Amino acid sequence: MAKRIVDLSLPVQDRTASPPSQSRQCSFETVRRGPDHWQATWISLSVHTASHVDSPLHCLEGAPPIDHLPLDRLVGRAAVLDLRSVHPEQGITAEFLAAASHSILDGDIILLHTGWSDRKFGDPDYFVRSPFLTDEAAHWLVARKPKAVGFDFFQERAAKTIDFKPEDFTTHRILMKHGITIIEGLTNLSVLEGRRATFFAAPLKLAGAEAAPARLFAIVED
């Protein structure tokens, strides 16, 4: 059976927006020297920009930072849940997840596929009109015992606003308190539908940070 690598990462470019809570954009500065070609680019961006991995330090005081996150939490069998029937701003419930689930094994990496990032990343609606995960759905995921959960939509309802309180990040807290790693900014998940796939997330090893940009990809069997 043939295998291939599928890129599941969102692109980052100059002026890519960060979440509303930070209200900033990426900045690229390119330095060149001549007469032959030599180029180096400096970037300024939130570690929560586009495709990234959150460590529990993001919402749990004193928890391990991203550079202490074991890599075996970020590699594993992908269990893709097809949620493409959800609407903008709709809360995804446990009932939705149960209807979309098939064979989820303990230790799988569950990937929630709404198609939202495919359609809306880079659009102002991406953050503010995204579907979101309800608390009951987060508890449903905990009961499946995954080692990580990945999202192709802006799953934390409170993060749509700029005046949230830390305790409002209930989805993050429910998952993180149970040792489940959160992977955000997935795209292109339709390629994994109906296929056996091994998922990989490779975050930068940023010492002491609560998250890091990551390249997300999968090896699929056709």
C-alpha atoms as a PDB file:
ATOM      1  CA  MET A   1       0.000   0.000   0.000  1.00  0.00           C
ATOM      2  CA  ALA A   2       1.396   3.398  -1.029  1.00  0.00           C
ATOM      3  CA  LYS A   3       2.176   6.031   1.601  1.00  0.00           C
ATOM      4  CA  ARG A   4       2.399   9.788   1.248  1.00  0.00           C
ATOM      5  CA  ILE A   5       2.869  12.858   3.400  1.00  0.00           C
ATOM      6  CA  VAL A   6      -0.042  15.292   3.745  1.00  0.00           C
ATOM      7  CA  ASP A   7       0.592  18.850   4.922  1.00  0.00           C
ATOM      8  CA  LEU A   8      -2.035  19.958   7.469  1.00  0.00           C
ATOM      9  CA  SER A   9      -0.495  23.354   8.316  1.00  0.00           C
ATOM     10  CA  LEU A  10      -1.792  26.862   7.773  1.00  0.00           C
ATOM     11  CA  PRO A  11       0.498  29.375   6.007  1.00  0.00           C
ATOM     12  CA  VAL A  12       2.022  32.293   7.921  1.00  0.00           C
ATOM     13  CA  GLN A  13       2.943  35.467   6.107  1.00  0.00           C
ATOM     14  CA  ASP A  14       3.545  39.126   6.811  1.00  0.00           C
ATOM     15  CA  ARG A  15       0.456  40.588   8.528  1.00  0.00           C
ATOM     16  CA  THR A  16      -1.160  37.234   9.369  1.00  0.00           C
ATOM     17  CA  ALA A  17      -3.497  38.009  12.264  1.00  0.00           C
ATOM     18  CA  SER A  18      -3.181  36.611  15.765  1.00  0.00           C
ATOM     19  CA  PRO A  19      -6.280  35.858  17.911  1.00  0.00           C
ATOM     20  CA  PRO A  20      -8.504  38.764  19.047  1.00  0.00           C
ATOM     21  CA  SER A  21      -7.136  38.512  22.592  1.00  0.00           C
ATOM     22  CA  GLN A  22      -3.806  39.783  21.283  1.00  0.00           C
ATOM     23  CA  SER A  23      -5.025  42.033  18.473  1.00  0.00           C
ATOM     24  CA  ARG A  24      -1.695  42.067  16.629  1.00  0.00           C
ATOM     25  CA  GLN A  25      -0.354  40.946  13.280  1.00  0.00           C
ATOM     26  CA  CYS A  26       2.787  39.103  12.252  1.00  0.00           C
ATOM     27  CA  SER A  27       5.658  41.170  10.973  1.00  0.00           C
ATOM     28  CA  PHE A  28       8.326  39.994   8.528  1.00  0.00           C
ATOM     29  CA  GLU A  29      11.540  41.932   7.932  1.00  0.00           C
ATOM     30  CA  THR A  30      13.808  40.613   5.191  1.00  0.00           C
ATOM     31  CA  VAL A  31      17.476  41.552   5.016  1.00  0.00           C
ATOM     32  CA  ARG A  32      19.427  41.004   1.776  1.00  0.00           C
ATOM     33  CA  ARG A  33      23.008  41.442   0.637  1.00  0.00           C
ATOM     34  CA  GLY A  34      24.459  41.511  -2.859  1.00  0.00           C
ATOM     35  CA  PRO A  35      25.574  41.422  -5.520  1.00  0.00           C
ATOM     36  CA  ASP A  36      24.925  37.649  -5.244  1.00  0.00           C
ATOM     37  CA  HIS A  37      21.827  36.440  -3.459  1.00  0.00           C
ATOM     38  CA  TRP A  38      21.803  36.225   0.360  1.00  0.00           C
ATOM     39  CA  GLN A  39      18.653  36.614   2.424  1.00  0.00           C
ATOM     40  CA  ALA A  40      17.672  36.416   6.106  1.00  0.00           C
ATOM     41  CA  THR A  41      14.207  37.096   7.518  1.00  0.00           C
ATOM     42  CA  TRP A  42      13.326  38.305  11.017  1.00  0.00           C
ATOM     43  CA  ILE A  43       9.802  37.635  12.222  1.00  0.00           C
ATOM     44  CA  SER A  44       7.651  38.880  15.068  1.00  0.00           C
ATOM     45  CA  LEU A  45       4.550  36.840  15.890  1.00  0.00           C
ATOM     46  CA  SER A  46       2.490  35.350  18.673  1.00  0.00           C
ATOM     47  CA  VAL A  47       3.320  31.726  19.451  1.00  0.00           C
ATOM     48  CA  HIS A  48      -0.446  31.159  19.057  1.00  0.00           C
ATOM     49  CA  THR A  49      -0.432  32.184  15.391  1.00  0.00           C
ATOM     50  CA  ALA A  50      -1.913  29.803  12.797  1.00  0.00           C
ATOM     51  CA  SER A  51      -0.755  26.178  13.302  1.00  0.00           C
ATOM     52  CA  HIS A  52       0.618  25.701  16.814  1.00  0.00           C
ATOM     53  CA  VAL A  53       0.712  23.467  19.875  1.00  0.00           C
ATOM     54  CA  ASP A  54      -0.348  24.620  23.346  1.00  0.00           C
ATOM     55  CA  SER A  55       1.402  23.340  26.438  1.00  0.00           C
ATOM     56  CA  PRO A  56      -0.612  23.218  29.701  1.00  0.00           C
ATOM     57  CA  LEU A  57       1.243  26.336  30.875  1.00  0.00           C
ATOM     58  CA  HIS A  58      -1.060  28.300  28.567  1.00  0.00           C
ATOM     59  CA  CYS A  59      -3.905  28.000  31.097  1.00  0.00           C
ATOM     60  CA  LEU A  60      -2.544  26.150  34.152  1.00  0.00           C
ATOM     61  CA  GLU A  61      -0.153  28.056  36.428  1.00  0.00           C
ATOM     62  CA  GLY A  62       3.081  26.178  37.121  1.00  0.00           C
ATOM     63  CA  ALA A  63       2.430  23.573  34.402  1.00  0.00           C
ATOM     64  CA  PRO A  64       5.193  22.441  31.999  1.00  0.00           C
ATOM     65  CA  PRO A  65       6.148  24.764  29.121  1.00  0.00           C
ATOM     66  CA  ILE A  66       6.262  23.701  25.486  1.00  0.00           C
ATOM     67  CA  ASP A  67       9.916  22.621  25.545  1.00  0.00           C
ATOM     68  CA  HIS A  68       9.051  20.050  28.245  1.00  0.00           C
ATOM     69  CA  LEU A  69       6.193  18.531  26.279  1.00  0.00           C
ATOM     70  CA  PRO A  70       7.102  14.922  25.356  1.00  0.00           C
ATOM     71  CA  LEU A  71       7.143  14.383  21.608  1.00  0.00           C
ATOM     72  CA  ASP A  72       5.302  11.089  21.977  1.00  0.00           C
ATOM     73  CA  ARG A  73       2.239  13.185  22.876  1.00  0.00           C
ATOM     74  CA  LEU A  74       2.380  14.667  19.381  1.00  0.00           C
ATOM     75  CA  VAL A  75       2.721  11.565  17.214  1.00  0.00           C
ATOM     76  CA  GLY A  76       0.106   8.859  16.822  1.00  0.00           C
ATOM     77  CA  ARG A  77      -2.841   7.346  15.020  1.00  0.00           C
ATOM     78  CA  ALA A  78      -5.248   9.977  13.720  1.00  0.00           C
ATOM     79  CA  ALA A  79      -8.946   9.598  14.473  1.00  0.00           C
ATOM     80  CA  VAL A  80     -10.731  12.166  12.287  1.00  0.00           C
ATOM     81  CA  LEU A  81     -14.268  13.233  13.230  1.00  0.00           C
ATOM     82  CA  ASP A  82     -16.228  14.703  10.320  1.00  0.00           C
ATOM     83  CA  LEU A  83     -18.100  17.751  11.642  1.00  0.00           C
ATOM     84  CA  ARG A  84     -18.531  19.604   8.365  1.00  0.00           C
ATOM     85  CA  SER A  85     -22.285  19.923   8.909  1.00  0.00           C
ATOM     86  CA  VAL A  86     -21.826  22.470  11.721  1.00  0.00           C
ATOM     87  CA  HIS A  87     -22.637  26.106  11.060  1.00  0.00           C
ATOM     88  CA  PRO A  88     -20.748  29.335  11.820  1.00  0.00           C
ATOM     89  CA  GLU A  89     -20.925  30.278  15.523  1.00  0.00           C
ATOM     90  CA  GLN A  90     -22.526  26.931  16.355  1.00  0.00           C
ATOM     91  CA  GLY A  91     -21.605  25.126  19.563  1.00  0.00           C
ATOM     92  CA  ILE A  92     -20.333  21.602  18.909  1.00  0.00           C
ATOM     93  CA  THR A  93     -21.932  19.308  21.450  1.00  0.00           C
ATOM     94  CA  ALA A  94     -21.085  15.842  22.712  1.00  0.00           C
ATOM     95  CA  GLU A  95     -23.965  14.553  20.569  1.00  0.00           C
ATOM     96  CA  PHE A  96     -22.266  15.930  17.453  1.00  0.00           C
ATOM     97  CA  LEU A  97     -18.998  14.239  18.372  1.00  0.00           C
ATOM     98  CA  ALA A  98     -20.629  10.915  19.174  1.00  0.00           C
ATOM     99  CA  ALA A  99     -22.452  10.883  15.836  1.00  0.00           C
ATOM    100  CA  ALA A 100     -19.190  11.542  13.973  1.00  0.00           C
ATOM    101  CA  SER A 101     -17.015   9.069  15.879  1.00  0.00           C
ATOM    102  CA  HIS A 102     -16.210   5.584  14.695  1.00  0.00           C
ATOM    103  CA  SER A 103     -13.295   3.665  16.128  1.00  0.00           C
ATOM    104  CA  ILE A 104     -11.450   5.793  18.677  1.00  0.00           C
ATOM    105  CA  LEU A 105      -8.815   3.962  20.687  1.00  0.00           C
ATOM    106  CA  ASP A 106      -7.159   5.102  23.914  1.00  0.00           C
ATOM    107  CA  GLY A 107      -4.103   7.145  23.002  1.00  0.00           C
ATOM    108  CA  ASP A 108      -5.349   8.241  19.572  1.00  0.00           C
ATOM    109  CA  ILE A 109      -4.931  11.831  18.417  1.00  0.00           C
ATOM    110  CA  ILE A 110      -8.460  13.064  17.738  1.00  0.00           C
ATOM    111  CA  LEU A 111      -8.745  15.623  14.929  1.00  0.00           C
ATOM    112  CA  LEU A 112     -11.976  17.617  14.665  1.00  0.00           C
ATOM    113  CA  HIS A 113     -12.765  18.435  11.053  1.00  0.00           C
ATOM    114  CA  THR A 114     -15.247  21.239  10.366  1.00  0.00           C
ATOM    115  CA  GLY A 115     -13.574  22.624   7.229  1.00  0.00           C
ATOM    116  CA  TRP A 116     -13.630  26.087   8.834  1.00  0.00           C
ATOM    117  CA  SER A 117      -9.941  26.899   8.371  1.00  0.00           C
ATOM    118  CA  ASP A 118     -10.051  25.693   4.746  1.00  0.00           C
ATOM    119  CA  ARG A 119     -12.754  28.257   4.018  1.00  0.00           C
ATOM    120  CA  LYS A 120     -12.043  31.122   6.361  1.00  0.00           C
ATOM    121  CA  PHE A 121      -8.407  31.396   7.499  1.00  0.00           C
ATOM    122  CA  GLY A 122      -7.213  34.905   6.686  1.00  0.00           C
ATOM    123  CA  ASP A 123     -10.794  36.230   6.664  1.00  0.00           C
ATOM    124  CA  PRO A 124     -11.918  38.457   9.598  1.00  0.00           C
ATOM    125  CA  ASP A 125     -14.698  35.930  10.215  1.00  0.00           C
ATOM    126  CA  TYR A 126     -12.173  33.174  10.989  1.00  0.00           C
ATOM    127  CA  PHE A 127     -11.952  34.069  14.671  1.00  0.00           C
ATOM    128  CA  VAL A 128     -15.257  35.769  15.473  1.00  0.00           C
ATOM    129  CA  ARG A 129     -17.703  33.498  13.605  1.00  0.00           C
ATOM    130  CA  SER A 130     -16.004  30.148  14.073  1.00  0.00           C
ATOM    131  CA  PRO A 131     -17.883  27.173  15.498  1.00  0.00           C
ATOM    132  CA  PHE A 132     -16.769  26.411  19.054  1.00  0.00           C
ATOM    133  CA  LEU A 133     -16.515  23.429  21.373  1.00  0.00           C
ATOM    134  CA  THR A 134     -18.947  23.185  24.283  1.00  0.00           C
ATOM    135  CA  ASP A 135     -17.801  22.114  27.734  1.00  0.00           C
ATOM    136  CA  GLU A 136     -19.839  18.910  27.531  1.00  0.00           C
ATOM    137  CA  ALA A 137     -18.073  18.063  24.283  1.00  0.00           C
ATOM    138  CA  ALA A 138     -14.705  18.676  25.936  1.00  0.00           C
ATOM    139  CA  HIS A 139     -15.674  16.223  28.689  1.00  0.00           C
ATOM    140  CA  TRP A 140     -16.772  13.719  26.018  1.00  0.00           C
ATOM    141  CA  LEU A 141     -13.299  13.972  24.469  1.00  0.00           C
ATOM    142  CA  VAL A 142     -11.647  13.441  27.867  1.00  0.00           C
ATOM    143  CA  ALA A 143     -13.625  10.217  28.282  1.00  0.00           C
ATOM    144  CA  ARG A 144     -12.159   8.878  25.008  1.00  0.00           C
ATOM    145  CA  LYS A 145      -8.645   9.181  26.548  1.00  0.00           C
ATOM    146  CA  PRO A 146      -6.794  10.721  23.589  1.00  0.00           C
ATOM    147  CA  LYS A 147      -3.256  11.944  24.054  1.00  0.00           C
ATOM    148  CA  ALA A 148      -4.009  15.023  21.948  1.00  0.00           C
ATOM    149  CA  VAL A 149      -6.934  16.791  20.292  1.00  0.00           C
ATOM    150  CA  GLY A 150      -6.538  18.904  17.161  1.00  0.00           C
ATOM    151  CA  PHE A 151      -8.868  21.585  15.811  1.00  0.00           C
ATOM    152  CA  ASP A 152      -9.377  23.166  12.381  1.00  0.00           C
ATOM    153  CA  PHE A 153     -11.552  25.897  13.925  1.00  0.00           C
ATOM    154  CA  PHE A 154     -11.235  28.499  16.694  1.00  0.00           C
ATOM    155  CA  GLN A 155     -12.609  26.253  19.392  1.00  0.00           C
ATOM    156  CA  GLU A 156     -12.562  28.396  22.563  1.00  0.00           C
ATOM    157  CA  ARG A 157     -15.689  30.563  22.637  1.00  0.00           C
ATOM    158  CA  ALA A 158     -14.262  33.027  25.166  1.00  0.00           C
ATOM    159  CA  ALA A 159     -11.240  33.685  22.936  1.00  0.00           C
ATOM    160  CA  LYS A 160     -13.428  35.483  20.407  1.00  0.00           C
ATOM    161  CA  THR A 161     -13.512  38.516  22.716  1.00  0.00           C
ATOM    162  CA  ILE A 162     -10.773  40.795  24.030  1.00  0.00           C
ATOM    163  CA  ASP A 163     -12.123  41.120  27.575  1.00  0.00           C
ATOM    164  CA  PHE A 164     -12.190  37.451  28.661  1.00  0.00           C
ATOM    165  CA  LYS A 165     -10.981  36.280  32.067  1.00  0.00           C
ATOM    166  CA  PRO A 166      -8.499  33.376  32.344  1.00  0.00           C
ATOM    167  CA  GLU A 167     -11.129  31.131  33.922  1.00  0.00           C
ATOM    168  CA  ASP A 168     -13.306  31.638  30.832  1.00  0.00           C
ATOM    169  CA  PHE A 169     -10.985  29.354  28.840  1.00  0.00           C
ATOM    170  CA  THR A 170     -13.010  26.334  29.905  1.00  0.00           C
ATOM    171  CA  THR A 171     -12.337  24.111  26.879  1.00  0.00           C
ATOM    172  CA  HIS A 172      -8.582  24.462  27.277  1.00  0.00           C
ATOM    173  CA  ARG A 173      -8.747  23.854  31.018  1.00  0.00           C
ATOM    174  CA  ILE A 174     -10.915  20.731  30.790  1.00  0.00           C
ATOM    175  CA  LEU A 175      -8.560  19.099  28.302  1.00  0.00           C
ATOM    176  CA  MET A 176      -5.304  20.287  29.853  1.00  0.00           C
ATOM    177  CA  LYS A 177      -6.225  19.209  33.391  1.00  0.00           C
ATOM    178  CA  HIS A 178      -6.522  15.672  32.042  1.00  0.00           C
ATOM    179  CA  GLY A 179      -3.124  15.735  30.329  1.00  0.00           C
ATOM    180  CA  ILE A 180      -4.507  16.152  26.810  1.00  0.00           C
ATOM    181  CA  THR A 181      -2.367  18.222  24.465  1.00  0.00           C
ATOM    182  CA  ILE A 182      -4.130  20.849  22.349  1.00  0.00           C
ATOM    183  CA  ILE A 183      -3.178  21.318  18.688  1.00  0.00           C
ATOM    184  CA  GLU A 184      -4.675  24.309  16.881  1.00  0.00           C
ATOM    185  CA  GLY A 185      -4.703  25.614  13.327  1.00  0.00           C
ATOM    186  CA  LEU A 186      -5.180  22.409  11.343  1.00  0.00           C
ATOM    187  CA  THR A 187      -6.296  22.498   7.724  1.00  0.00           C
ATOM    188  CA  ASN A 188      -6.725  20.124   4.775  1.00  0.00           C
ATOM    189  CA  LEU A 189      -8.207  17.391   6.975  1.00  0.00           C
ATOM    190  CA  SER A 190     -10.495  16.139   4.203  1.00  0.00           C
ATOM    191  CA  VAL A 191      -7.500  14.284   2.750  1.00  0.00           C
ATOM    192  CA  LEU A 192      -7.439  12.074   5.860  1.00  0.00           C
ATOM    193  CA  GLU A 193     -11.111  11.084   5.697  1.00  0.00           C
ATOM    194  CA  GLY A 194     -11.493   7.330   5.271  1.00  0.00           C
ATOM    195  CA  ARG A 195      -7.746   6.674   5.314  1.00  0.00           C
ATOM    196  CA  ARG A 196      -5.364   5.209   7.859  1.00  0.00           C
ATOM    197  CA  ALA A 197      -3.038   7.996   8.942  1.00  0.00           C
ATOM    198  CA  THR A 198      -0.285   8.675  11.441  1.00  0.00           C
ATOM    199  CA  PHE A 199      -0.328  12.283  12.639  1.00  0.00           C
ATOM    200  CA  PHE A 200       2.698  14.404  13.584  1.00  0.00           C
ATOM    201  CA  ALA A 201       2.993  17.845  15.214  1.00  0.00           C
ATOM    202  CA  ALA A 202       6.466  19.390  15.404  1.00  0.00           C
ATOM    203  CA  PRO A 203       6.485  22.559  17.557  1.00  0.00           C
ATOM    204  CA  LEU A 204       9.548  24.759  17.925  1.00  0.00           C
ATOM    205  CA  LYS A 205      11.455  24.073  21.144  1.00  0.00           C
ATOM    206  CA  LEU A 206      10.940  27.499  22.731  1.00  0.00           C
ATOM    207  CA  ALA A 207      12.299  27.358  26.277  1.00  0.00           C
ATOM    208  CA  GLY A 208       9.771  28.481  28.873  1.00  0.00           C
ATOM    209  CA  ALA A 209       7.021  29.381  26.388  1.00  0.00           C
ATOM    210  CA  GLU A 210       3.439  28.193  26.771  1.00  0.00           C
ATOM    211  CA  ALA A 211       3.034  27.347  23.078  1.00  0.00           C
ATOM    212  CA  ALA A 212       4.965  27.216  19.823  1.00  0.00           C
ATOM    213  CA  PRO A 213       4.301  27.408  16.090  1.00  0.00           C
ATOM    214  CA  ALA A 214       4.319  23.936  14.569  1.00  0.00           C
ATOM    215  CA  ARG A 215       4.392  22.065  11.276  1.00  0.00           C
ATOM    216  CA  LEU A 216       1.445  19.675  11.267  1.00  0.00           C
ATOM    217  CA  PHE A 217       1.366  16.725   8.882  1.00  0.00           C
ATOM    218  CA  ALA A 218       0.301  13.122   8.476  1.00  0.00           C
ATOM    219  CA  ILE A 219       1.489  10.008   6.694  1.00  0.00           C
ATOM    220  CA  VAL A 220      -1.491   8.397   4.968  1.00  0.00           C
ATOM    221  CA  GLU A 221      -1.993   5.019   3.338  1.00  0.00           C
ATOM    222  CA  ASP A 222      -3.857   5.145   0.016  1.00  0.00           C
END
